[in-house]
């Protein structure tokens, strides 16, 4: 599967909230699983699958994500 081969690995990510706070982390993607290590926060984890032309991401309900850690504005 070409998509799985492309996405697998470690990715540096940055996310911006509606309030303009940003957080950075590292996403690790493997066969059907993903983890995001946010700087200074708990790790988010879940599963992924490609269903036709749609990417489905799942986060277990027992492990709700915490807010993205904000970096001070400069």
PDB file of N, CA and C in Angstrom:
ATOM      1  N   UNK A   1       0.841  -1.165   0.000  1.00  0.00           N
ATOM      2  CA  UNK A   1       0.000   0.000   0.000  1.00  0.00           C
ATOM      3  C   UNK A   1       0.898   1.244   0.000  1.00  0.00           C
ATOM      4  N   UNK A   2       0.858   1.996  -1.029  1.00  0.00           N
ATOM      5  CA  UNK A   2       1.748   3.145  -1.197  1.00  0.00           C
ATOM      6  C   UNK A   2       1.510   4.210  -0.130  1.00  0.00           C
ATOM      7  N   UNK A   3       0.245   4.454   0.251  1.00  0.00           N
ATOM      8  CA  UNK A   3      -0.040   5.475   1.247  1.00  0.00           C
ATOM      9  C   UNK A   3       0.592   5.117   2.583  1.00  0.00           C
ATOM     10  N   UNK A   4       0.451   3.866   3.014  1.00  0.00           N
ATOM     11  CA  UNK A   4       1.027   3.430   4.297  1.00  0.00           C
ATOM     12  C   UNK A   4       2.543   3.569   4.278  1.00  0.00           C
ATOM     13  N   UNK A   5       3.170   3.238   3.174  1.00  0.00           N
ATOM     14  CA  UNK A   5       4.624   3.375   3.069  1.00  0.00           C
ATOM     15  C   UNK A   5       5.035   4.843   3.131  1.00  0.00           C
ATOM     16  N   UNK A   6       4.237   5.728   2.553  1.00  0.00           N
ATOM     17  CA  UNK A   6       4.543   7.156   2.560  1.00  0.00           C
ATOM     18  C   UNK A   6       4.412   7.760   3.956  1.00  0.00           C
ATOM     19  N   UNK A   7       3.334   7.421   4.652  1.00  0.00           N
ATOM     20  CA  UNK A   7       3.025   8.092   5.919  1.00  0.00           C
ATOM     21  C   UNK A   7       3.795   7.515   7.110  1.00  0.00           C
ATOM     22  N   UNK A   8       4.257   6.295   7.010  1.00  0.00           N
ATOM     23  CA  UNK A   8       4.952   5.640   8.117  1.00  0.00           C
ATOM     24  C   UNK A   8       6.224   6.408   8.484  1.00  0.00           C
ATOM     25  N   UNK A   9       6.492   6.534   9.784  1.00  0.00           N
ATOM     26  CA  UNK A   9       7.712   7.183  10.246  1.00  0.00           C
ATOM     27  C   UNK A   9       7.425   8.220  11.308  1.00  0.00           C
ATOM     28  N   UNK A  10       8.364   9.144  11.485  1.00  0.00           N
ATOM     29  CA  UNK A  10       8.216  10.225  12.467  1.00  0.00           C
ATOM     30  C   UNK A  10       8.070  11.545  11.747  1.00  0.00           C
ATOM     31  N   UNK A  11       7.155  12.365  12.231  1.00  0.00           N
ATOM     32  CA  UNK A  11       6.857  13.660  11.633  1.00  0.00           C
ATOM     33  C   UNK A  11       6.861  14.725  12.717  1.00  0.00           C
ATOM     34  N   UNK A  12       7.470  15.848  12.452  1.00  0.00           N
ATOM     35  CA  UNK A  12       7.378  17.018  13.332  1.00  0.00           C
ATOM     36  C   UNK A  12       6.075  17.726  12.981  1.00  0.00           C
ATOM     37  N   UNK A  13       5.299  18.085  14.004  1.00  0.00           N
ATOM     38  CA  UNK A  13       4.016  18.729  13.752  1.00  0.00           C
ATOM     39  C   UNK A  13       3.878  19.992  14.587  1.00  0.00           C
ATOM     40  N   UNK A  14       3.037  20.895  14.100  1.00  0.00           N
ATOM     41  CA  UNK A  14       2.680  22.108  14.823  1.00  0.00           C
ATOM     42  C   UNK A  14       1.189  22.303  14.637  1.00  0.00           C
ATOM     43  N   UNK A  15       0.514  22.644  15.724  1.00  0.00           N
ATOM     44  CA  UNK A  15      -0.921  22.852  15.662  1.00  0.00           C
ATOM     45  C   UNK A  15      -1.247  24.217  16.256  1.00  0.00           C
ATOM     46  N   UNK A  16      -2.193  24.906  15.650  1.00  0.00           N
ATOM     47  CA  UNK A  16      -2.636  26.207  16.133  1.00  0.00           C
ATOM     48  C   UNK A  16      -4.101  26.108  16.540  1.00  0.00           C
ATOM     49  N   UNK A  17      -4.412  26.555  17.749  1.00  0.00           N
ATOM     50  CA  UNK A  17      -5.778  26.505  18.246  1.00  0.00           C
ATOM     51  C   UNK A  17      -6.548  27.725  17.732  1.00  0.00           C
ATOM     52  N   UNK A  18      -7.879  27.725  17.848  1.00  0.00           N
ATOM     53  CA  UNK A  18      -8.643  28.898  17.426  1.00  0.00           C
ATOM     54  C   UNK A  18      -8.221  30.182  18.137  1.00  0.00           C
ATOM     55  N   UNK A  19      -7.669  30.072  19.344  1.00  0.00           N
ATOM     56  CA  UNK A  19      -7.187  31.246  20.062  1.00  0.00           C
ATOM     57  C   UNK A  19      -5.787  31.666  19.664  1.00  0.00           C
ATOM     58  N   UNK A  20      -5.236  31.032  18.631  1.00  0.00           N
ATOM     59  CA  UNK A  20      -3.920  31.340  18.067  1.00  0.00           C
ATOM     60  C   UNK A  20      -2.749  30.834  18.899  1.00  0.00           C
ATOM     61  N   UNK A  21      -2.988  29.986  19.917  1.00  0.00           N
ATOM     62  CA  UNK A  21      -1.883  29.342  20.617  1.00  0.00           C
ATOM     63  C   UNK A  21      -1.363  28.209  19.742  1.00  0.00           C
ATOM     64  N   UNK A  22      -0.065  27.961  19.792  1.00  0.00           N
ATOM     65  CA  UNK A  22       0.494  26.866  19.006  1.00  0.00           C
ATOM     66  C   UNK A  22       1.157  25.849  19.922  1.00  0.00           C
ATOM     67  N   UNK A  23       1.163  24.622  19.469  1.00  0.00           N
ATOM     68  CA  UNK A  23       1.835  23.536  20.169  1.00  0.00           C
ATOM     69  C   UNK A  23       2.638  22.738  19.175  1.00  0.00           C
ATOM     70  N   UNK A  24       3.744  22.164  19.617  1.00  0.00           N
ATOM     71  CA  UNK A  24       4.569  21.342  18.738  1.00  0.00           C
ATOM     72  C   UNK A  24       4.717  19.951  19.329  1.00  0.00           C
ATOM     73  N   UNK A  25       4.980  19.011  18.474  1.00  0.00           N
ATOM     74  CA  UNK A  25       5.166  17.644  18.919  1.00  0.00           C
ATOM     75  C   UNK A  25       5.749  16.795  17.809  1.00  0.00           C
ATOM     76  N   UNK A  26       5.847  15.512  18.101  1.00  0.00           N
ATOM     77  CA  UNK A  26       6.338  14.531  17.138  1.00  0.00           C
ATOM     78  C   UNK A  26       5.293  13.440  16.990  1.00  0.00           C
ATOM     79  N   UNK A  27       4.882  13.190  15.763  1.00  0.00           N
ATOM     80  CA  UNK A  27       3.937  12.108  15.473  1.00  0.00           C
ATOM     81  C   UNK A  27       4.724  10.905  14.979  1.00  0.00           C
ATOM     82  N   UNK A  28       4.398   9.745  15.514  1.00  0.00           N
ATOM     83  CA  UNK A  28       4.996   8.487  15.062  1.00  0.00           C
ATOM     84  C   UNK A  28       3.869   7.655  14.465  1.00  0.00           C
ATOM     85  N   UNK A  29       4.020   7.319  13.186  1.00  0.00           N
ATOM     86  CA  UNK A  29       2.998   6.562  12.465  1.00  0.00           C
ATOM     87  C   UNK A  29       3.577   5.194  12.117  1.00  0.00           C
ATOM     88  N   UNK A  30       2.829   4.144  12.445  1.00  0.00           N
ATOM     89  CA  UNK A  30       3.240   2.787  12.106  1.00  0.00           C
ATOM     90  C   UNK A  30       2.064   2.099  11.425  1.00  0.00           C
ATOM     91  N   UNK A  31       2.147   0.813  11.221  1.00  0.00           N
ATOM     92  CA  UNK A  31       1.078   0.070  10.554  1.00  0.00           C
ATOM     93  C   UNK A  31      -0.199   0.099  11.388  1.00  0.00           C
ATOM     94  N   UNK A  32      -1.109   1.003  11.063  1.00  0.00           N
ATOM     95  CA  UNK A  32      -2.403   1.062  11.713  1.00  0.00           C
ATOM     96  C   UNK A  32      -2.436   1.762  13.060  1.00  0.00           C
ATOM     97  N   UNK A  33      -1.315   2.277  13.556  1.00  0.00           N
ATOM     98  CA  UNK A  33      -1.294   2.986  14.836  1.00  0.00           C
ATOM     99  C   UNK A  33      -0.609   4.334  14.683  1.00  0.00           C
ATOM    100  N   UNK A  34      -0.960   5.274  15.560  1.00  0.00           N
ATOM    101  CA  UNK A  34      -0.301   6.573  15.582  1.00  0.00           C
ATOM    102  C   UNK A  34      -0.158   7.044  17.025  1.00  0.00           C
ATOM    103  N   UNK A  35       0.884   7.832  17.275  1.00  0.00           N
ATOM    104  CA  UNK A  35       1.165   8.420  18.574  1.00  0.00           C
ATOM    105  C   UNK A  35       1.626   9.854  18.337  1.00  0.00           C
ATOM    106  N   UNK A  36       1.155  10.779  19.161  1.00  0.00           N
ATOM    107  CA  UNK A  36       1.655  12.148  19.102  1.00  0.00           C
ATOM    108  C   UNK A  36       2.210  12.494  20.477  1.00  0.00           C
ATOM    109  N   UNK A  37       3.497  12.780  20.514  1.00  0.00           N
ATOM    110  CA  UNK A  37       4.157  13.218  21.739  1.00  0.00           C
ATOM    111  C   UNK A  37       4.216  14.735  21.712  1.00  0.00           C
ATOM    112  N   UNK A  38       3.319  15.372  22.488  1.00  0.00           N
ATOM    113  CA  UNK A  38       3.301  16.827  22.590  1.00  0.00           C
ATOM    114  C   UNK A  38       4.333  17.254  23.617  1.00  0.00           C
ATOM    115  N   UNK A  39       5.050  18.305  23.359  1.00  0.00           N
ATOM    116  CA  UNK A  39       6.035  18.830  24.300  1.00  0.00           C
ATOM    117  C   UNK A  39       5.351  19.163  25.623  1.00  0.00           C
ATOM    118  N   UNK A  40       5.792  18.504  26.702  1.00  0.00           N
ATOM    119  CA  UNK A  40       5.272  18.798  28.032  1.00  0.00           C
ATOM    120  C   UNK A  40       3.895  18.257  28.341  1.00  0.00           C
ATOM    121  N   UNK A  41       3.355  17.332  27.557  1.00  0.00           N
ATOM    122  CA  UNK A  41       2.017  16.782  27.783  1.00  0.00           C
ATOM    123  C   UNK A  41       2.038  15.265  27.634  1.00  0.00           C
ATOM    124  N   UNK A  42       0.919  14.644  27.988  1.00  0.00           N
ATOM    125  CA  UNK A  42       0.771  13.208  27.783  1.00  0.00           C
ATOM    126  C   UNK A  42       0.747  12.901  26.290  1.00  0.00           C
ATOM    127  N   UNK A  43       1.084  11.679  25.950  1.00  0.00           N
ATOM    128  CA  UNK A  43       1.068  11.229  24.562  1.00  0.00           C
ATOM    129  C   UNK A  43      -0.355  10.897  24.146  1.00  0.00           C
ATOM    130  N   UNK A  44      -0.741  11.367  22.960  1.00  0.00           N
ATOM    131  CA  UNK A  44      -2.016  10.979  22.355  1.00  0.00           C
ATOM    132  C   UNK A  44      -1.742   9.734  21.516  1.00  0.00           C
ATOM    133  N   UNK A  45      -2.701   8.831  21.440  1.00  0.00           N
ATOM    134  CA  UNK A  45      -2.507   7.637  20.616  1.00  0.00           C
ATOM    135  C   UNK A  45      -3.836   7.178  20.053  1.00  0.00           C
ATOM    136  N   UNK A  46      -3.754   6.391  19.004  1.00  0.00           N
ATOM    137  CA  UNK A  46      -4.957   5.849  18.386  1.00  0.00           C
ATOM    138  C   UNK A  46      -4.600   4.956  17.220  1.00  0.00           C
ATOM    139  N   UNK A  47      -5.577   4.695  16.402  1.00  0.00           N
ATOM    140  CA  UNK A  47      -5.383   3.843  15.226  1.00  0.00           C
ATOM    141  C   UNK A  47      -5.823   4.595  13.983  1.00  0.00           C
ATOM    142  N   UNK A  48      -5.361   4.102  12.853  1.00  0.00           N
ATOM    143  CA  UNK A  48      -5.771   4.684  11.579  1.00  0.00           C
ATOM    144  C   UNK A  48      -5.974   3.562  10.570  1.00  0.00           C
ATOM    145  N   UNK A  49      -6.807   3.834   9.587  1.00  0.00           N
ATOM    146  CA  UNK A  49      -6.989   2.898   8.471  1.00  0.00           C
ATOM    147  C   UNK A  49      -7.404   3.693   7.248  1.00  0.00           C
ATOM    148  N   UNK A  50      -7.094   3.153   6.113  1.00  0.00           N
ATOM    149  CA  UNK A  50      -7.487   3.758   4.851  1.00  0.00           C
ATOM    150  C   UNK A  50      -8.680   2.964   4.342  1.00  0.00           C
ATOM    151  N   UNK A  51      -9.829   3.632   4.220  1.00  0.00           N
ATOM    152  CA  UNK A  51     -11.065   2.981   3.793  1.00  0.00           C
ATOM    153  C   UNK A  51     -11.469   3.588   2.463  1.00  0.00           C
ATOM    154  N   UNK A  52     -11.073   2.918   1.393  1.00  0.00           N
ATOM    155  CA  UNK A  52     -11.291   3.472   0.066  1.00  0.00           C
ATOM    156  C   UNK A  52     -10.396   4.686  -0.100  1.00  0.00           C
ATOM    157  N   UNK A  53     -10.975   5.851  -0.351  1.00  0.00           N
ATOM    158  CA  UNK A  53     -10.185   7.074  -0.486  1.00  0.00           C
ATOM    159  C   UNK A  53     -10.285   7.946   0.767  1.00  0.00           C
ATOM    160  N   UNK A  54     -10.692   7.354   1.892  1.00  0.00           N
ATOM    161  CA  UNK A  54     -10.911   8.097   3.134  1.00  0.00           C
ATOM    162  C   UNK A  54      -9.976   7.610   4.230  1.00  0.00           C
ATOM    163  N   UNK A  55      -9.331   8.526   4.921  1.00  0.00           N
ATOM    164  CA  UNK A  55      -8.466   8.201   6.052  1.00  0.00           C
ATOM    165  C   UNK A  55      -9.296   8.269   7.326  1.00  0.00           C
ATOM    166  N   UNK A  56      -9.369   7.173   8.060  1.00  0.00           N
ATOM    167  CA  UNK A  56     -10.130   7.113   9.308  1.00  0.00           C
ATOM    168  C   UNK A  56      -9.159   7.092  10.483  1.00  0.00           C
ATOM    169  N   UNK A  57      -9.266   8.084  11.372  1.00  0.00           N
ATOM    170  CA  UNK A  57      -8.453   8.153  12.584  1.00  0.00           C
ATOM    171  C   UNK A  57      -9.341   7.861  13.785  1.00  0.00           C
ATOM    172  N   UNK A  58      -8.827   7.075  14.710  1.00  0.00           N
ATOM    173  CA  UNK A  58      -9.602   6.743  15.912  1.00  0.00           C
ATOM    174  C   UNK A  58      -8.783   7.040  17.157  1.00  0.00           C
ATOM    175  N   UNK A  59      -9.435   7.652  18.151  1.00  0.00           N
ATOM    176  CA  UNK A  59      -8.842   7.905  19.466  1.00  0.00           C
ATOM    177  C   UNK A  59      -9.725   7.183  20.472  1.00  0.00           C
ATOM    178  N   UNK A  60      -9.155   6.300  21.296  1.00  0.00           N
ATOM    179  CA  UNK A  60      -9.981   5.589  22.284  1.00  0.00           C
ATOM    180  C   UNK A  60     -10.700   6.555  23.214  1.00  0.00           C
ATOM    181  N   UNK A  61     -11.978   6.267  23.512  1.00  0.00           N
ATOM    182  CA  UNK A  61     -12.757   7.135  24.397  1.00  0.00           C
ATOM    183  C   UNK A  61     -12.201   7.163  25.804  1.00  0.00           C
ATOM    184  N   UNK A  62     -11.563   6.107  26.226  1.00  0.00           N
ATOM    185  CA  UNK A  62     -11.027   6.056  27.583  1.00  0.00           C
ATOM    186  C   UNK A  62      -9.804   6.944  27.744  1.00  0.00           C
ATOM    187  N   UNK A  63      -9.298   7.480  26.659  1.00  0.00           N
ATOM    188  CA  UNK A  63      -8.080   8.278  26.684  1.00  0.00           C
ATOM    189  C   UNK A  63      -8.290   9.597  25.938  1.00  0.00           C
ATOM    190  N   UNK A  64      -9.134  10.490  26.477  1.00  0.00           N
ATOM    191  CA  UNK A  64      -9.393  11.733  25.743  1.00  0.00           C
ATOM    192  C   UNK A  64      -8.145  12.607  25.670  1.00  0.00           C
ATOM    193  N   UNK A  65      -7.897  13.229  24.527  1.00  0.00           N
ATOM    194  CA  UNK A  65      -6.739  14.110  24.406  1.00  0.00           C
ATOM    195  C   UNK A  65      -6.846  15.304  25.343  1.00  0.00           C
ATOM    196  N   UNK A  66      -5.722  15.722  25.863  1.00  0.00           N
ATOM    197  CA  UNK A  66      -5.636  16.927  26.676  1.00  0.00           C
ATOM    198  C   UNK A  66      -5.444  18.109  25.738  1.00  0.00           C
ATOM    199  N   UNK A  67      -5.686  19.333  26.211  1.00  0.00           N
ATOM    200  CA  UNK A  67      -5.451  20.484  25.360  1.00  0.00           C
ATOM    201  C   UNK A  67      -3.998  20.532  24.874  1.00  0.00           C
ATOM    202  N   UNK A  68      -3.800  21.080  23.700  1.00  0.00           N
ATOM    203  CA  UNK A  68      -2.460  21.219  23.145  1.00  0.00           C
ATOM    204  C   UNK A  68      -1.691  22.218  23.983  1.00  0.00           C
ATOM    205  N   UNK A  69      -0.459  21.883  24.385  1.00  0.00           N
ATOM    206  CA  UNK A  69       0.312  22.832  25.178  1.00  0.00           C
ATOM    207  C   UNK A  69       0.652  24.075  24.360  1.00  0.00           C
ATOM    208  N   UNK A  70       0.465  25.227  24.947  1.00  0.00           N
ATOM    209  CA  UNK A  70       0.725  26.486  24.250  1.00  0.00           C
ATOM    210  C   UNK A  70       2.150  26.935  24.457  1.00  0.00           C
ATOM    211  N   UNK A  71       2.723  27.516  23.418  1.00  0.00           N
ATOM    212  CA  UNK A  71       4.023  28.164  23.518  1.00  0.00           C
ATOM    213  C   UNK A  71       3.774  29.651  23.751  1.00  0.00           C
ATOM    214  N   UNK A  72       4.601  30.275  24.574  1.00  0.00           N
ATOM    215  CA  UNK A  72       4.389  31.709  24.785  1.00  0.00           C
ATOM    216  C   UNK A  72       4.531  32.491  23.483  1.00  0.00           C
ATOM    217  N   UNK A  73       3.684  33.483  23.314  1.00  0.00           N
ATOM    218  CA  UNK A  73       3.766  34.326  22.125  1.00  0.00           C
ATOM    219  C   UNK A  73       4.959  35.250  22.267  1.00  0.00           C
ATOM    220  N   UNK A  74       5.675  35.458  21.172  1.00  0.00           N
ATOM    221  CA  UNK A  74       6.850  36.332  21.231  1.00  0.00           C
ATOM    222  C   UNK A  74       6.617  37.563  20.399  1.00  0.00           C
TER     223      UNK A  74
END
